[in-house]
Amino acid sequence: MKRYALLGEKLSHSYSPMIHKEIFKDMGIEATYELLEVERDKLPDAIKKLRMGEFQGFNVTIPYKVEVIKYLDEISPEAKAIGSVNTVASINGKIVGFNTDYYGFYNELVYYKVEVKNKDCYILGTGGASLAVYKALIDLGGNALYVSRNPKNDNTITYDELAKRNIDLIVNTTPVGMYPNVDASPLDEKITKKAKNVVDIIFNPRVTKLLADAKSNMNGLFMLVGQAIKAEEIWQDKCYSNEVKDLLKRIEMML
């Protein structure tokens, strides 16, 4: 039986096993999907398990989406352009990294008809997921900037600067507000309400404090489901033929 897993820290909140189990059923695949909580110095050992055939593929989450790259043989063009990897596969004897977060987020904006072209979009956080979000926003024609407490380049502003700006879209890629710290928000409510749309890629809880404060909001469940489908298409080397919206509804009913 094929084995797949999610690599990261503090994974008890993850919905990934449930989602991949449903995709396995839809694609007629006999497989398991596990949670592997890995300490930083054990990351190379985890990748070795893929090389040895103990697993056929990994998803990668916080905090290893950038760090994992140095342990891979190759990365795909989109992962190279983005600078982070969240899906790893063994292909023809090589360990190859991909970024399926990009497809998940891009398709979420399209699915919910969020107008991005020529809009002022701000990404909270500068971690691995933020890099995929940035590329998706740019590819959709948005004017995207990162927001950080410690800006390190010209396309990053401070939270104080954000408060003074016109805001069409905010995307939270930080873990602030994630279970169990559900009462926390990365932004003051007054700033959140300035935004025409708010996306929080956190999916547990489904409505974070940031989203509760927003006028129009979307959580990260569609992105999570979308990137999982893309990962399975890479691992299984075939297309997922079901409607994404149908899978999304099934997952929502399970939560």
Protein backbone atom coordinates (compact mmCIF):
# COMPACT_ATOMS: atom_id res chain seq x y z
CA MET A 1 0.00 0.00 0.00
CA LYS A 2 1.24 3.49 -0.86
CA ARG A 3 2.15 5.80 2.02
CA TYR A 4 2.06 9.58 2.10
CA ALA A 5 2.52 12.07 4.92
CA LEU A 6 2.51 15.69 6.01
CA LEU A 7 5.84 16.95 7.40
CA GLY A 8 5.89 19.82 9.85
CA GLU A 9 5.58 20.86 13.49
CA LYS A 10 2.46 20.81 15.69
CA LEU A 11 0.22 19.00 13.21
CA SER A 12 -2.64 17.90 15.47
CA HIS A 13 -4.91 20.59 13.96
CA SER A 14 -4.43 19.33 10.40
CA TYR A 15 -7.33 18.30 8.16
CA SER A 16 -4.96 16.88 5.53
CA PRO A 17 -5.41 13.15 6.35
CA MET A 18 -9.20 13.49 6.02
CA ILE A 19 -8.91 15.38 2.73
CA HIS A 20 -6.43 12.97 1.16
CA LYS A 21 -8.49 9.98 2.28
CA GLU A 22 -11.44 11.37 0.31
CA ILE A 23 -9.24 12.01 -2.73
CA PHE A 24 -7.87 8.45 -2.51
CA LYS A 25 -11.46 7.15 -2.63
CA ASP A 26 -12.33 9.36 -5.59
CA MET A 27 -9.24 8.26 -7.52
CA GLY A 28 -9.54 4.58 -6.59
CA ILE A 29 -6.19 4.49 -4.78
CA GLU A 30 -5.18 2.19 -1.92
CA ALA A 31 -3.06 4.45 0.27
CA THR A 32 -2.56 5.95 3.72
CA TYR A 33 -1.80 9.54 4.72
CA GLU A 34 -0.04 10.25 8.00
CA LEU A 35 1.10 13.17 10.12
CA LEU A 36 4.86 13.27 10.74
CA GLU A 37 5.89 15.84 13.31
CA VAL A 38 9.58 16.36 12.62
CA GLU A 39 12.16 18.39 14.49
CA ARG A 40 14.39 20.59 12.35
CA ASP A 41 17.49 18.42 12.68
CA LYS A 42 15.48 15.33 11.68
CA LEU A 43 14.23 16.75 8.38
CA PRO A 44 17.01 15.08 6.33
CA ASP A 45 16.07 11.72 7.90
CA ALA A 46 12.46 12.21 6.83
CA ILE A 47 13.49 12.87 3.23
CA LYS A 48 15.68 9.76 3.38
CA LYS A 49 12.53 7.72 4.09
CA LEU A 50 11.21 8.92 0.74
CA ARG A 51 14.46 7.93 -0.98
CA MET A 52 14.30 4.48 0.59
CA GLY A 53 10.74 3.92 -0.60
CA GLU A 54 9.11 3.93 2.84
CA PHE A 55 6.88 6.75 1.56
CA GLN A 56 5.85 7.76 -1.95
CA GLY A 57 5.28 11.45 -1.28
CA PHE A 58 5.20 14.20 1.31
CA ASN A 59 3.39 17.45 1.83
CA VAL A 60 5.44 20.03 3.73
CA THR A 61 4.10 22.71 6.05
CA ILE A 62 5.27 25.19 8.69
CA PRO A 63 8.16 25.72 9.23
CA TYR A 64 9.94 23.73 6.51
CA LYS A 65 8.65 24.94 3.13
CA VAL A 66 11.86 26.80 2.33
CA GLU A 67 14.35 24.73 4.31
CA VAL A 68 13.32 21.43 2.68
CA ILE A 69 14.61 22.61 -0.71
CA LYS A 70 18.26 21.95 0.13
CA TYR A 71 17.52 18.26 0.68
CA LEU A 72 15.89 17.74 -2.74
CA ASP A 73 17.42 16.70 -6.08
CA GLU A 74 15.27 19.00 -8.20
CA ILE A 75 12.46 21.53 -7.87
CA SER A 76 9.78 22.33 -10.43
CA PRO A 77 9.71 25.64 -12.36
CA GLU A 78 6.90 27.09 -10.22
CA ALA A 79 8.64 26.10 -6.98
CA LYS A 80 11.85 27.70 -8.24
CA ALA A 81 10.04 30.91 -9.16
CA ILE A 82 8.24 31.01 -5.80
CA GLY A 83 11.14 29.90 -3.62
CA SER A 84 9.24 27.40 -1.50
CA VAL A 85 8.08 23.78 -1.69
CA ASN A 86 5.05 22.15 -0.10
CA THR A 87 4.84 18.90 -2.09
CA VAL A 88 7.63 16.36 -2.56
CA ALA A 89 7.56 13.32 -4.83
CA SER A 90 9.90 10.49 -5.79
CA ILE A 91 10.08 10.54 -9.59
CA ASN A 92 12.39 8.26 -11.59
CA GLY A 93 14.75 7.89 -8.67
CA LYS A 94 14.92 11.61 -7.90
CA ILE A 95 13.34 13.54 -5.04
CA VAL A 96 11.50 16.46 -6.64
CA GLY A 97 9.82 19.45 -4.97
CA PHE A 98 6.71 21.27 -6.19
CA ASN A 99 4.58 24.16 -4.97
CA THR A 100 0.91 23.21 -5.01
CA ASP A 101 -0.02 26.03 -2.60
CA TYR A 102 0.20 28.32 -5.62
CA TYR A 103 -2.49 26.40 -7.51
CA GLY A 104 -4.69 26.14 -4.44
CA PHE A 105 -4.64 29.86 -3.71
CA TYR A 106 -4.85 30.97 -7.36
CA ASN A 107 -7.91 28.78 -7.93
CA GLU A 108 -9.53 29.94 -4.67
CA LEU A 109 -9.50 33.54 -5.89
CA VAL A 110 -10.89 32.47 -9.27
CA TYR A 111 -13.55 30.23 -7.70
CA TYR A 112 -14.84 32.97 -5.38
CA LYS A 113 -14.52 35.62 -8.11
CA VAL A 114 -12.21 37.87 -6.09
CA GLU A 115 -11.14 40.76 -8.33
CA VAL A 116 -7.38 41.16 -8.04
CA LYS A 117 -6.26 42.89 -11.23
CA ASN A 118 -4.87 46.37 -10.47
CA LYS A 119 -6.01 46.03 -6.85
CA ASP A 120 -3.92 46.84 -3.77
CA CYS A 121 -3.20 43.50 -2.11
CA TYR A 122 -1.32 42.98 1.15
CA ILE A 123 0.13 39.71 2.40
CA LEU A 124 0.58 39.36 6.15
CA GLY A 125 3.74 37.36 6.83
CA THR A 126 6.81 36.43 4.82
CA GLY A 127 7.05 32.65 5.33
CA GLY A 128 6.88 29.85 2.78
CA ALA A 129 3.13 30.10 2.10
CA SER A 130 3.36 33.86 1.54
CA LEU A 131 5.70 33.31 -1.41
CA ALA A 132 3.11 31.22 -3.26
CA VAL A 133 0.38 33.76 -2.46
CA TYR A 134 2.54 36.60 -3.78
CA LYS A 135 3.15 34.87 -7.12
CA ALA A 136 -0.55 34.06 -7.52
CA LEU A 137 -1.53 37.69 -6.87
CA ILE A 138 1.07 38.99 -9.31
CA ASP A 139 0.03 36.47 -11.98
CA LEU A 140 -3.58 37.65 -11.57
CA GLY A 141 -2.49 41.25 -12.11
CA GLY A 142 -2.58 42.46 -8.52
CA ASN A 143 -0.36 45.07 -6.87
CA ALA A 144 1.03 42.92 -4.07
CA LEU A 145 3.15 43.83 -1.06
CA TYR A 146 4.21 41.88 2.00
CA VAL A 147 3.52 43.19 5.51
CA SER A 148 6.05 42.43 8.23
CA ARG A 149 7.17 43.78 11.58
CA ASN A 150 10.72 43.78 10.22
CA PRO A 151 10.70 44.67 6.50
CA LYS A 152 13.84 43.56 4.67
CA ASN A 153 13.19 44.71 1.10
CA ASP A 154 11.32 47.23 -1.04
CA ASN A 155 8.22 45.07 -1.54
CA THR A 156 7.57 44.80 2.21
CA ILE A 157 5.93 47.40 4.45
CA THR A 158 5.30 47.62 8.19
CA TYR A 159 1.96 47.11 9.92
CA ASP A 160 1.97 50.82 10.80
CA GLU A 161 2.28 51.67 7.10
CA LEU A 162 -0.56 49.28 6.24
CA ALA A 163 -2.89 51.21 8.54
CA LYS A 164 -2.43 54.31 6.35
CA ARG A 165 -3.11 52.61 3.01
CA ASN A 166 -6.08 51.87 0.80
CA ILE A 167 -6.69 48.12 1.09
CA ASP A 168 -8.49 46.04 -1.51
CA LEU A 169 -7.36 42.64 -0.29
CA ILE A 170 -5.61 41.27 2.80
CA VAL A 171 -4.24 37.72 2.84
CA ASN A 172 -3.08 36.36 6.18
CA THR A 173 -0.30 33.78 5.86
CA THR A 174 0.84 34.01 9.49
CA PRO A 175 -0.25 31.42 12.09
CA VAL A 176 -1.81 34.13 14.27
CA GLY A 177 -5.38 33.08 15.07
CA MET A 178 -4.78 29.39 14.41
CA TYR A 179 -6.12 26.82 16.87
CA PRO A 180 -5.70 26.86 19.84
CA ASN A 181 -5.02 30.63 19.90
CA VAL A 182 -8.38 31.41 18.35
CA ASP A 183 -8.86 34.81 20.03
CA ALA A 184 -5.77 36.32 18.40
CA SER A 185 -5.66 38.39 15.21
CA PRO A 186 -2.68 39.78 13.28
CA LEU A 187 -4.52 43.08 12.74
CA ASP A 188 -6.47 45.61 14.73
CA GLU A 189 -10.17 45.38 13.87
CA LYS A 190 -10.20 48.93 12.45
CA ILE A 191 -7.56 48.02 9.87
CA THR A 192 -9.31 44.76 8.98
CA LYS A 193 -12.59 46.56 8.29
CA LYS A 194 -10.83 48.86 5.80
CA ALA A 195 -10.22 45.91 3.47
CA LYS A 196 -12.75 45.11 0.77
CA ASN A 197 -11.84 41.41 0.99
CA VAL A 198 -9.92 39.32 3.51
CA VAL A 199 -8.53 35.83 2.98
CA ASP A 200 -7.08 33.89 5.90
CA ILE A 201 -5.26 30.74 4.80
CA ILE A 202 -5.81 29.33 8.29
CA PHE A 203 -8.50 26.63 8.12
CA ASN A 204 -8.83 25.72 11.82
CA PRO A 205 -10.88 27.46 13.09
CA ARG A 206 -12.90 27.99 9.93
CA VAL A 207 -13.69 31.55 11.05
CA THR A 208 -10.69 33.21 12.67
CA LYS A 209 -10.97 36.46 14.58
CA LEU A 210 -9.48 38.21 11.54
CA LEU A 211 -12.27 36.85 9.34
CA ALA A 212 -14.94 37.64 11.93
CA ASP A 213 -13.79 41.26 11.90
CA ALA A 214 -13.84 41.49 8.10
CA LYS A 215 -16.58 42.78 5.82
CA SER A 216 -16.05 40.05 3.21
CA ASN A 217 -14.02 36.96 3.95
CA MET A 218 -12.75 33.53 2.88
CA ASN A 219 -10.86 30.94 4.89
CA GLY A 220 -8.09 28.63 3.72
CA LEU A 221 -10.11 25.44 3.24
CA PHE A 222 -10.48 25.79 -0.55
CA MET A 223 -6.74 26.44 -0.85
CA LEU A 224 -6.00 23.38 1.30
CA VAL A 225 -8.28 21.14 -0.76
CA GLY A 226 -7.04 22.58 -4.04
CA GLN A 227 -3.38 22.09 -3.24
CA ALA A 228 -4.09 18.55 -1.99
CA ILE A 229 -5.72 17.64 -5.30
CA LYS A 230 -2.74 19.03 -7.23
CA ALA A 231 -0.36 17.07 -4.98
CA GLU A 232 -2.26 13.85 -5.64
CA GLU A 233 -2.20 14.49 -9.38
CA ILE A 234 1.59 14.75 -9.15
CA TRP A 235 1.96 11.66 -6.95
CA GLN A 236 -0.44 9.49 -8.96
CA ASP A 237 0.50 10.92 -12.37
CA LYS A 238 -3.12 11.30 -13.40
CA CYS A 239 -5.83 13.95 -13.27
CA TYR A 240 -8.49 14.23 -10.58
CA SER A 241 -11.73 13.97 -12.55
CA ASN A 242 -14.27 15.01 -9.89
CA GLU A 243 -15.49 18.55 -9.30
CA VAL A 244 -13.44 20.40 -6.69
CA LYS A 245 -16.58 22.07 -5.33
CA ASP A 246 -18.15 18.65 -4.65
CA LEU A 247 -15.12 17.51 -2.67
CA LEU A 248 -15.11 20.83 -0.81
CA LYS A 249 -18.75 20.36 0.21
CA ARG A 250 -18.04 16.86 1.48
CA ILE A 251 -15.12 18.07 3.56
CA GLU A 252 -17.19 20.95 4.98
CA MET A 253 -19.87 18.47 6.07
CA MET A 254 -17.26 16.43 7.95
CA LEU A 255 -15.98 19.38 9.98
